[in-house]
PDB file of N, CA and C in Angstrom:
ATOM      1  N   MET A   1     120.474  -1.520  93.966  1.00  0.00           N
ATOM      2  CA  MET A   1     121.023  -0.083  92.843  1.00  0.00           C
ATOM      3  C   MET A   1     120.989   1.047  93.845  1.00  0.00           C
ATOM      4  N   ALA A   2     122.001   1.719  94.295  1.00  0.00           N
ATOM      5  CA  ALA A   2     121.949   2.953  95.128  1.00  0.00           C
ATOM      6  C   ALA A   2     121.310   4.028  94.258  1.00  0.00           C
ATOM      7  N   GLN A   3     120.163   5.000  94.972  1.00  0.00           N
ATOM      8  CA  GLN A   3     119.671   6.107  94.546  1.00  0.00           C
ATOM      9  C   GLN A   3     120.723   7.046  94.035  1.00  0.00           C
ATOM     10  N   LYS A   4     120.339   8.087  93.487  1.00  0.00           N
ATOM     11  CA  LYS A   4     120.862   9.323  93.553  1.00  0.00           C
ATOM     12  C   LYS A   4     120.857  10.366  94.233  1.00  0.00           C
ATOM     13  N   PRO A   5     121.697  11.010  94.908  1.00  0.00           N
ATOM     14  CA  PRO A   5     121.342  11.805  95.801  1.00  0.00           C
ATOM     15  C   PRO A   5     120.386  13.078  95.106  1.00  0.00           C
ATOM     16  N   THR A   6     119.884  13.396  95.822  1.00  0.00           N
ATOM     17  CA  THR A   6     118.930  14.693  95.020  1.00  0.00           C
ATOM     18  C   THR A   6     119.570  15.848  96.022  1.00  0.00           C
ATOM     19  N   LYS A   7     119.379  17.252  94.844  1.00  0.00           N
ATOM     20  CA  LYS A   7     119.719  18.291  95.453  1.00  0.00           C
ATOM     21  C   LYS A   7     119.154  18.924  96.613  1.00  0.00           C
ATOM     22  N   ARG A   8     119.852  19.208  97.747  1.00  0.00           N
ATOM     23  CA  ARG A   8     119.118  19.745  98.995  1.00  0.00           C
ATOM     24  C   ARG A   8     118.820  21.357  98.882  1.00  0.00           C
ATOM     25  N   MET A   9     117.538  21.777  99.162  1.00  0.00           N
ATOM     26  CA  MET A   9     116.954  22.929  98.852  1.00  0.00           C
ATOM     27  C   MET A   9     117.412  23.499 100.173  1.00  0.00           C
ATOM     28  N   GLU A  10     118.231  24.411 100.534  1.00  0.00           N
ATOM     29  CA  GLU A  10     118.141  25.236 101.966  1.00  0.00           C
ATOM     30  C   GLU A  10     117.564  26.429 101.678  1.00  0.00           C
ATOM     31  N   TYR A  11     116.831  26.742 102.852  1.00  0.00           N
ATOM     32  CA  TYR A  11     116.020  27.800 103.423  1.00  0.00           C
ATOM     33  C   TYR A  11     116.789  28.727 104.305  1.00  0.00           C
ATOM     34  N   VAL A  12     116.416  29.909 104.303  1.00  0.00           N
ATOM     35  CA  VAL A  12     116.508  30.966 105.757  1.00  0.00           C
ATOM     36  C   VAL A  12     114.946  31.109 106.071  1.00  0.00           C
ATOM     37  N   LEU A  13     114.624  31.071 107.318  1.00  0.00           N
ATOM     38  CA  LEU A  13     113.418  31.433 108.213  1.00  0.00           C
ATOM     39  C   LEU A  13     113.254  33.005 108.514  1.00  0.00           C
ATOM     40  N   PHE A  14     112.242  33.498 107.971  1.00  0.00           N
ATOM     41  CA  PHE A  14     111.767  35.319 108.141  1.00  0.00           C
ATOM     42  C   PHE A  14     110.852  35.314 109.046  1.00  0.00           C
ATOM     43  N   ASN A  15     110.875  35.964 110.049  1.00  0.00           N
ATOM     44  CA  ASN A  15     109.282  36.459 110.886  1.00  0.00           C
ATOM     45  C   ASN A  15     109.043  37.953 109.894  1.00  0.00           C
ATOM     46  N   VAL A  16     107.634  37.757 109.396  1.00  0.00           N
ATOM     47  CA  VAL A  16     107.265  38.756 109.174  1.00  0.00           C
ATOM     48  C   VAL A  16     106.062  39.801 109.773  1.00  0.00           C
ATOM     49  N   THR A  17     106.167  40.851 109.565  1.00  0.00           N
ATOM     50  CA  THR A  17     105.294  41.758 110.495  1.00  0.00           C
ATOM     51  C   THR A  17     104.577  42.213 109.657  1.00  0.00           C
ATOM     52  N   TYR A  18     103.016  42.402 109.169  1.00  0.00           N
ATOM     53  CA  TYR A  18     102.634  43.359 108.418  1.00  0.00           C
ATOM     54  C   TYR A  18     102.049  44.688 108.765  1.00  0.00           C
ATOM     55  N   GLU A  19     101.481  45.636 107.968  1.00  0.00           N
ATOM     56  CA  GLU A  19     101.040  46.682 108.433  1.00  0.00           C
ATOM     57  C   GLU A  19      99.622  46.638 109.264  1.00  0.00           C
ATOM     58  N   ASP A  20      98.909  45.781 109.327  1.00  0.00           N
ATOM     59  CA  ASP A  20      97.851  45.797 110.210  1.00  0.00           C
ATOM     60  C   ASP A  20      98.122  45.119 111.533  1.00  0.00           C
ATOM     61  N   GLY A  21      99.457  44.833 112.079  1.00  0.00           N
ATOM     62  CA  GLY A  21      99.741  44.481 113.025  1.00  0.00           C
ATOM     63  C   GLY A  21     100.187  43.054 113.388  1.00  0.00           C
ATOM     64  N   SER A  22      99.661  42.381 112.397  1.00  0.00           N
ATOM     65  CA  SER A  22      99.522  40.605 112.510  1.00  0.00           C
ATOM     66  C   SER A  22     101.152  40.248 112.060  1.00  0.00           C
ATOM     67  N   GLN A  23     101.006  39.384 112.563  1.00  0.00           N
ATOM     68  CA  GLN A  23     102.660  38.604 112.428  1.00  0.00           C
ATOM     69  C   GLN A  23     102.462  37.159 111.944  1.00  0.00           C
ATOM     70  N   ARG A  24     103.587  36.826 110.887  1.00  0.00           N
ATOM     71  CA  ARG A  24     103.741  35.252 110.665  1.00  0.00           C
ATOM     72  C   ARG A  24     105.193  35.100 111.010  1.00  0.00           C
ATOM     73  N   SER A  25     105.511  33.788 111.091  1.00  0.00           N
ATOM     74  CA  SER A  25     106.445  33.209 111.769  1.00  0.00           C
ATOM     75  C   SER A  25     107.381  32.289 110.713  1.00  0.00           C
ATOM     76  N   ASN A  26     108.216  32.116 110.822  1.00  0.00           N
ATOM     77  CA  ASN A  26     109.354  30.827 109.798  1.00  0.00           C
ATOM     78  C   ASN A  26     108.755  30.999 108.452  1.00  0.00           C
ATOM     79  N   ARG A  27     108.688  32.112 107.737  1.00  0.00           N
ATOM     80  CA  ARG A  27     108.395  32.252 106.207  1.00  0.00           C
ATOM     81  C   ARG A  27     109.768  31.190 105.776  1.00  0.00           C
ATOM     82  N   ARG A  28     109.523  30.829 104.441  1.00  0.00           N
ATOM     83  CA  ARG A  28     110.516  30.293 103.945  1.00  0.00           C
ATOM     84  C   ARG A  28     111.215  30.764 102.824  1.00  0.00           C
ATOM     85  N   VAL A  29     112.412  31.453 102.593  1.00  0.00           N
ATOM     86  CA  VAL A  29     113.143  31.935 101.672  1.00  0.00           C
ATOM     87  C   VAL A  29     114.595  30.891 101.139  1.00  0.00           C
ATOM     88  N   PRO A  30     114.467  30.636 100.158  1.00  0.00           N
ATOM     89  CA  PRO A  30     115.486  30.113  99.376  1.00  0.00           C
ATOM     90  C   PRO A  30     116.889  30.764  99.488  1.00  0.00           C
ATOM     91  N   LEU A  31     117.738  29.962 100.429  1.00  0.00           N
ATOM     92  CA  LEU A  31     119.227  30.450 100.563  1.00  0.00           C
ATOM     93  C   LEU A  31     119.843  31.043  99.434  1.00  0.00           C
ATOM     94  N   ASP A  32     119.892  30.539  98.125  1.00  0.00           N
ATOM     95  CA  ASP A  32     120.302  30.949  97.214  1.00  0.00           C
ATOM     96  C   ASP A  32     119.954  32.228  96.847  1.00  0.00           C
ATOM     97  N   ALA A  33     118.908  33.044  97.170  1.00  0.00           N
ATOM     98  CA  ALA A  33     118.365  34.193  96.314  1.00  0.00           C
ATOM     99  C   ALA A  33     118.694  35.172  97.522  1.00  0.00           C
ATOM    100  N   LEU A  34     119.342  34.770  98.803  1.00  0.00           N
ATOM    101  CA  LEU A  34     120.000  35.977  99.460  1.00  0.00           C
ATOM    102  C   LEU A  34     121.437  35.912  99.429  1.00  0.00           C
ATOM    103  N   GLY A  35     122.133  36.814  99.736  1.00  0.00           N
ATOM    104  CA  GLY A  35     123.493  36.992  99.834  1.00  0.00           C
ATOM    105  C   GLY A  35     123.896  38.444  98.911  1.00  0.00           C
ATOM    106  N   GLY A  36     124.900  38.600  98.715  1.00  0.00           N
ATOM    107  CA  GLY A  36     125.275  39.501  97.524  1.00  0.00           C
ATOM    108  C   GLY A  36     125.141  40.766  98.184  1.00  0.00           C
ATOM    109  N   LEU A  37     125.226  41.884  97.510  1.00  0.00           N
ATOM    110  CA  LEU A  37     125.220  43.557  97.977  1.00  0.00           C
ATOM    111  C   LEU A  37     123.819  43.791  98.616  1.00  0.00           C
ATOM    112  N   GLU A  38     122.814  43.015  97.995  1.00  0.00           N
ATOM    113  CA  GLU A  38     121.256  42.803  98.751  1.00  0.00           C
ATOM    114  C   GLU A  38     121.368  42.424 100.183  1.00  0.00           C
ATOM    115  N   LYS A  39     121.730  41.389 100.236  1.00  0.00           N
ATOM    116  CA  LYS A  39     122.157  40.700 101.691  1.00  0.00           C
ATOM    117  C   LYS A  39     120.277  40.116 101.809  1.00  0.00           C
ATOM    118  N   ASP A  40     119.372  40.301 102.712  1.00  0.00           N
ATOM    119  CA  ASP A  40     118.243  39.990 102.883  1.00  0.00           C
ATOM    120  C   ASP A  40     117.197  40.646 101.998  1.00  0.00           C
ATOM    121  N   GLY A  41     117.645  41.832 101.382  1.00  0.00           N
ATOM    122  CA  GLY A  41     116.692  42.289 100.258  1.00  0.00           C
ATOM    123  C   GLY A  41     115.721  41.458  99.490  1.00  0.00           C
ATOM    124  N   PRO A  42     116.094  40.540  98.801  1.00  0.00           N
ATOM    125  CA  PRO A  42     115.324  39.780  98.099  1.00  0.00           C
ATOM    126  C   PRO A  42     114.437  38.819  98.489  1.00  0.00           C
ATOM    127  N   ALA A  43     114.711  38.869  99.836  1.00  0.00           N
ATOM    128  CA  ALA A  43     113.617  38.152 100.879  1.00  0.00           C
ATOM    129  C   ALA A  43     112.392  38.690 100.845  1.00  0.00           C
ATOM    130  N   ARG A  44     112.435  40.019 100.979  1.00  0.00           N
ATOM    131  CA  ARG A  44     110.884  40.878 100.936  1.00  0.00           C
ATOM    132  C   ARG A  44     110.452  40.968  99.407  1.00  0.00           C
ATOM    133  N   ALA A  45     110.901  40.761  98.482  1.00  0.00           N
ATOM    134  CA  ALA A  45     109.926  40.274  97.192  1.00  0.00           C
ATOM    135  C   ALA A  45     109.494  39.001  97.016  1.00  0.00           C
ATOM    136  N   ILE A  46     110.151  38.047  97.952  1.00  0.00           N
ATOM    137  CA  ILE A  46     109.931  36.584  97.370  1.00  0.00           C
ATOM    138  C   ILE A  46     108.845  36.482  98.614  1.00  0.00           C
ATOM    139  N   ILE A  47     108.922  36.982  99.581  1.00  0.00           N
ATOM    140  CA  ILE A  47     107.429  36.496 100.392  1.00  0.00           C
ATOM    141  C   ILE A  47     106.368  37.435  99.937  1.00  0.00           C
ATOM    142  N   GLU A  48     106.761  38.808  99.073  1.00  0.00           N
ATOM    143  CA  GLU A  48     105.354  39.271  98.531  1.00  0.00           C
ATOM    144  C   GLU A  48     104.883  38.427  97.820  1.00  0.00           C
ATOM    145  N   ALA A  49     105.534  37.601  96.720  1.00  0.00           N
ATOM    146  CA  ALA A  49     105.138  37.057  95.598  1.00  0.00           C
ATOM    147  C   ALA A  49     104.446  35.934  96.409  1.00  0.00           C
ATOM    148  N   GLN A  50     104.770  35.343  97.332  1.00  0.00           N
ATOM    149  CA  GLN A  50     103.968  34.180  98.238  1.00  0.00           C
ATOM    150  C   GLN A  50     102.719  34.729  98.633  1.00  0.00           C
ATOM    151  N   ASP A  51     102.808  35.903  99.209  1.00  0.00           N
ATOM    152  CA  ASP A  51     101.866  36.436  99.593  1.00  0.00           C
ATOM    153  C   ASP A  51     100.484  36.656  98.862  1.00  0.00           C
ATOM    154  N   ARG A  52     100.974  37.288  97.783  1.00  0.00           N
ATOM    155  CA  ARG A  52     100.377  37.547  96.231  1.00  0.00           C
ATOM    156  C   ARG A  52      99.206  35.989  95.865  1.00  0.00           C
ATOM    157  N   GLU A  53     100.627  34.961  95.561  1.00  0.00           N
ATOM    158  CA  GLU A  53      99.729  33.846  95.382  1.00  0.00           C
ATOM    159  C   GLU A  53      98.871  33.253  96.170  1.00  0.00           C
ATOM    160  N   VAL A  54      98.940  33.178  97.377  1.00  0.00           N
ATOM    161  CA  VAL A  54      97.939  32.886  98.360  1.00  0.00           C
ATOM    162  C   VAL A  54      96.772  33.720  98.211  1.00  0.00           C
ATOM    163  N   ALA A  55      96.851  35.018  98.295  1.00  0.00           N
ATOM    164  CA  ALA A  55      95.778  36.214  98.171  1.00  0.00           C
ATOM    165  C   ALA A  55      94.991  35.639  96.953  1.00  0.00           C
ATOM    166  N   GLU A  56      95.351  35.523  95.915  1.00  0.00           N
ATOM    167  CA  GLU A  56      94.914  34.996  94.457  1.00  0.00           C
ATOM    168  C   GLU A  56      93.950  33.708  94.902  1.00  0.00           C
ATOM    169  N   LYS A  57      94.683  32.515  95.625  1.00  0.00           N
ATOM    170  CA  LYS A  57      93.937  31.310  95.613  1.00  0.00           C
ATOM    171  C   LYS A  57      92.646  31.907  96.910  1.00  0.00           C
ATOM    172  N   SER A  58      92.985  32.236  97.700  1.00  0.00           N
ATOM    173  CA  SER A  58      91.731  32.873  98.718  1.00  0.00           C
ATOM    174  C   SER A  58      90.819  33.825  98.746  1.00  0.00           C
ATOM    175  N   GLY A  59      91.111  34.602  97.658  1.00  0.00           N
ATOM    176  CA  GLY A  59      90.289  35.725  97.054  1.00  0.00           C
ATOM    177  C   GLY A  59      90.340  36.403  98.063  1.00  0.00           C
ATOM    178  N   LYS A  60      91.228  36.660  99.154  1.00  0.00           N
ATOM    179  CA  LYS A  60      91.584  37.703  99.887  1.00  0.00           C
ATOM    180  C   LYS A  60      92.649  38.820  99.590  1.00  0.00           C
ATOM    181  N   ALA A  61      92.641  39.887  99.869  1.00  0.00           N
ATOM    182  CA  ALA A  61      93.728  40.637  99.398  1.00  0.00           C
ATOM    183  C   ALA A  61      95.238  40.649 100.206  1.00  0.00           C
ATOM    184  N   ALA A  62      95.997  41.048  99.745  1.00  0.00           N
ATOM    185  CA  ALA A  62      97.494  40.399 100.390  1.00  0.00           C
ATOM    186  C   ALA A  62      97.709  41.630 101.340  1.00  0.00           C
ATOM    187  N   LEU A  63      98.438  41.420 102.393  1.00  0.00           N
ATOM    188  CA  LEU A  63      98.526  42.416 103.235  1.00  0.00           C
ATOM    189  C   LEU A  63     100.186  42.911 102.897  1.00  0.00           C
ATOM    190  N   ALA A  64     100.232  44.695 103.446  1.00  0.00           N
ATOM    191  CA  ALA A  64     101.548  44.931 103.102  1.00  0.00           C
ATOM    192  C   ALA A  64     102.580  44.866 104.217  1.00  0.00           C
ATOM    193  N   ILE A  65     103.796  44.420 103.817  1.00  0.00           N
ATOM    194  CA  ILE A  65     104.798  44.126 104.843  1.00  0.00           C
ATOM    195  C   ILE A  65     105.260  45.495 105.669  1.00  0.00           C
ATOM    196  N   LYS A  66     105.520  45.271 106.745  1.00  0.00           N
ATOM    197  CA  LYS A  66     106.122  46.492 107.275  1.00  0.00           C
ATOM    198  C   LYS A  66     107.653  46.140 107.746  1.00  0.00           C
ATOM    199  N   ALA A  67     107.726  44.856 108.285  1.00  0.00           N
ATOM    200  CA  ALA A  67     109.246  44.665 108.478  1.00  0.00           C
ATOM    201  C   ALA A  67     109.806  43.070 108.737  1.00  0.00           C
ATOM    202  N   LEU A  68     110.721  42.914 108.368  1.00  0.00           N
ATOM    203  CA  LEU A  68     111.243  41.379 107.950  1.00  0.00           C
ATOM    204  C   LEU A  68     112.301  41.275 108.916  1.00  0.00           C
ATOM    205  N   GLU A  69     112.326  40.274 109.717  1.00  0.00           N
ATOM    206  CA  GLU A  69     113.754  39.723 110.288  1.00  0.00           C
ATOM    207  C   GLU A  69     113.840  38.320 110.625  1.00  0.00           C
ATOM    208  N   ARG A  70     115.184  38.030 110.406  1.00  0.00           N
ATOM    209  CA  ARG A  70     115.627  36.484 110.290  1.00  0.00           C
ATOM    210  C   ARG A  70     114.991  35.882 111.471  1.00  0.00           C
ATOM    211  N   ALA A  71     114.367  34.840 111.665  1.00  0.00           N
ATOM    212  CA  ALA A  71     114.494  33.963 112.743  1.00  0.00           C
ATOM    213  C   ALA A  71     115.563  33.121 113.377  1.00  0.00           C
ATOM    214  N   GLY A  72     115.485  32.724 114.265  1.00  0.00           N
ATOM    215  CA  GLY A  72     116.263  31.942 115.092  1.00  0.00           C
ATOM    216  C   GLY A  72     117.788  33.104 115.245  1.00  0.00           C
ATOM    217  N   GLY A  73     117.974  33.879 114.946  1.00  0.00           N
ATOM    218  CA  GLY A  73     119.057  34.907 115.184  1.00  0.00           C
ATOM    219  C   GLY A  73     120.274  34.538 114.161  1.00  0.00           C
ATOM    220  N   ARG A  74     120.023  33.629 113.305  1.00  0.00           N
ATOM    221  CA  ARG A  74     121.660  33.261 112.611  1.00  0.00           C
ATOM    222  C   ARG A  74     121.795  34.337 111.570  1.00  0.00           C
TER     223      ARG A  74
END
């Protein structure tokens, strides 16, 4: 019996620069969360939420985002 195809989640990759000068590459944001009038605006909120979750688990404070840019020039 053939397997049912699963929904494929597509992502956009972002390079993030933080206020302290550190950088993180290829942060994933779901493609369906982007677009519309805000374009890449929702990506900041999604990445900040990811950072808060990681900070909570590690016990370290989350860093403030200085700049976001799409990775790969797409």
